[in-house]
Amino acid sequence: MKNINLYAAIYDRLLEPSLKNLKRRVVYFSKKYHSSIVLDLCSGTGMQCRMLGNKRMRTLGLDMDERMVSYAHQK
């Protein structure tokens, strides 16, 4: 389990900063069009789901990498 978390933590630190503005726009448009439920494909470590959830939207995150899903679930 430790290696799984290390892989996902590295992903979070390397990729999430460059994706943050894009994810903010997803939140913006989801709110603008009154979305209450959002499907997040290629969810990675779940940051987009958390951002949407903070705005009271229900989310479902899907990812093919079980390590990411496990890490996202823990967070």
Protein backbone atom coordinates (compact mmCIF):
# COMPACT_ATOMS: atom_id res chain seq x y z
CA MET A 1 0.00 0.00 0.00
CA LYS A 2 2.90 2.33 0.70
CA ASN A 3 4.10 2.19 -2.95
CA ILE A 4 0.59 2.93 -4.16
CA ASN A 5 0.45 6.09 -2.07
CA LEU A 6 3.93 7.16 -3.16
CA TYR A 7 3.02 6.82 -6.86
CA ALA A 8 -0.18 8.82 -6.42
CA ALA A 9 1.50 11.44 -4.22
CA ILE A 10 4.14 12.03 -6.91
CA TYR A 11 1.35 12.33 -9.50
CA ASP A 12 -0.38 14.89 -7.26
CA ARG A 13 2.74 16.99 -6.89
CA LEU A 14 3.84 16.89 -10.53
CA LEU A 15 0.59 17.09 -12.47
CA GLU A 16 -2.04 18.70 -10.27
CA PRO A 17 -0.47 22.19 -10.26
CA SER A 18 -0.55 22.34 -14.06
CA LEU A 19 -4.16 21.12 -14.16
CA LYS A 20 -5.57 23.35 -11.42
CA ASN A 21 -6.78 26.18 -13.71
CA LEU A 22 -8.49 23.71 -16.03
CA LYS A 23 -10.20 22.05 -13.07
CA ARG A 24 -11.35 25.43 -11.77
CA ARG A 25 -12.99 26.05 -15.15
CA VAL A 26 -14.78 22.70 -14.94
CA VAL A 27 -16.16 23.80 -11.56
CA TYR A 28 -17.14 27.19 -12.99
CA PHE A 29 -19.04 25.73 -15.94
CA SER A 30 -20.62 23.03 -13.81
CA LYS A 31 -22.00 25.73 -11.51
CA LYS A 32 -22.97 27.98 -14.42
CA TYR A 33 -25.10 25.25 -15.99
CA HIS A 34 -26.52 24.15 -12.61
CA SER A 35 -25.01 20.69 -12.67
CA SER A 36 -25.82 18.71 -9.56
CA ILE A 37 -24.16 15.43 -10.56
CA VAL A 38 -20.83 15.23 -12.43
CA LEU A 39 -18.98 12.22 -13.87
CA ASP A 40 -15.20 12.70 -13.73
CA LEU A 41 -13.46 10.39 -16.21
CA CYS A 42 -9.73 9.75 -15.76
CA SER A 43 -10.17 11.02 -12.22
CA GLY A 44 -6.57 10.41 -11.16
CA THR A 45 -6.18 11.18 -7.47
CA GLY A 46 -9.66 12.68 -7.21
CA MET A 47 -8.85 16.38 -7.01
CA GLN A 48 -11.60 17.35 -9.48
CA CYS A 49 -14.16 15.37 -7.48
CA ARG A 50 -13.11 17.13 -4.29
CA MET A 51 -13.29 20.55 -5.92
CA LEU A 52 -16.78 19.85 -7.23
CA GLY A 53 -17.84 18.31 -3.94
CA ASN A 54 -16.76 21.47 -2.13
CA LYS A 55 -19.36 23.29 -4.26
CA ARG A 56 -22.02 20.80 -3.19
CA MET A 57 -22.09 18.80 -6.41
CA ARG A 58 -22.27 15.02 -6.31
CA THR A 59 -19.44 13.42 -8.24
CA LEU A 60 -18.39 10.02 -9.44
CA GLY A 61 -14.72 9.65 -10.30
CA LEU A 62 -13.56 6.83 -12.59
CA ASP A 63 -9.99 5.87 -13.40
CA MET A 64 -8.40 2.77 -14.92
CA ASP A 65 -5.48 2.85 -12.46
CA GLU A 66 -6.47 1.11 -9.24
CA ARG A 67 -3.67 2.89 -7.38
CA MET A 68 -5.22 6.25 -8.18
CA VAL A 69 -8.69 5.13 -7.19
CA SER A 70 -7.36 3.79 -3.90
CA TYR A 71 -5.46 7.00 -3.18
CA ALA A 72 -8.45 9.19 -4.12
CA HIS A 73 -10.71 7.13 -1.89
CA GLN A 74 -8.32 7.55 1.06
CA LYS A 75 -8.22 11.32 0.60
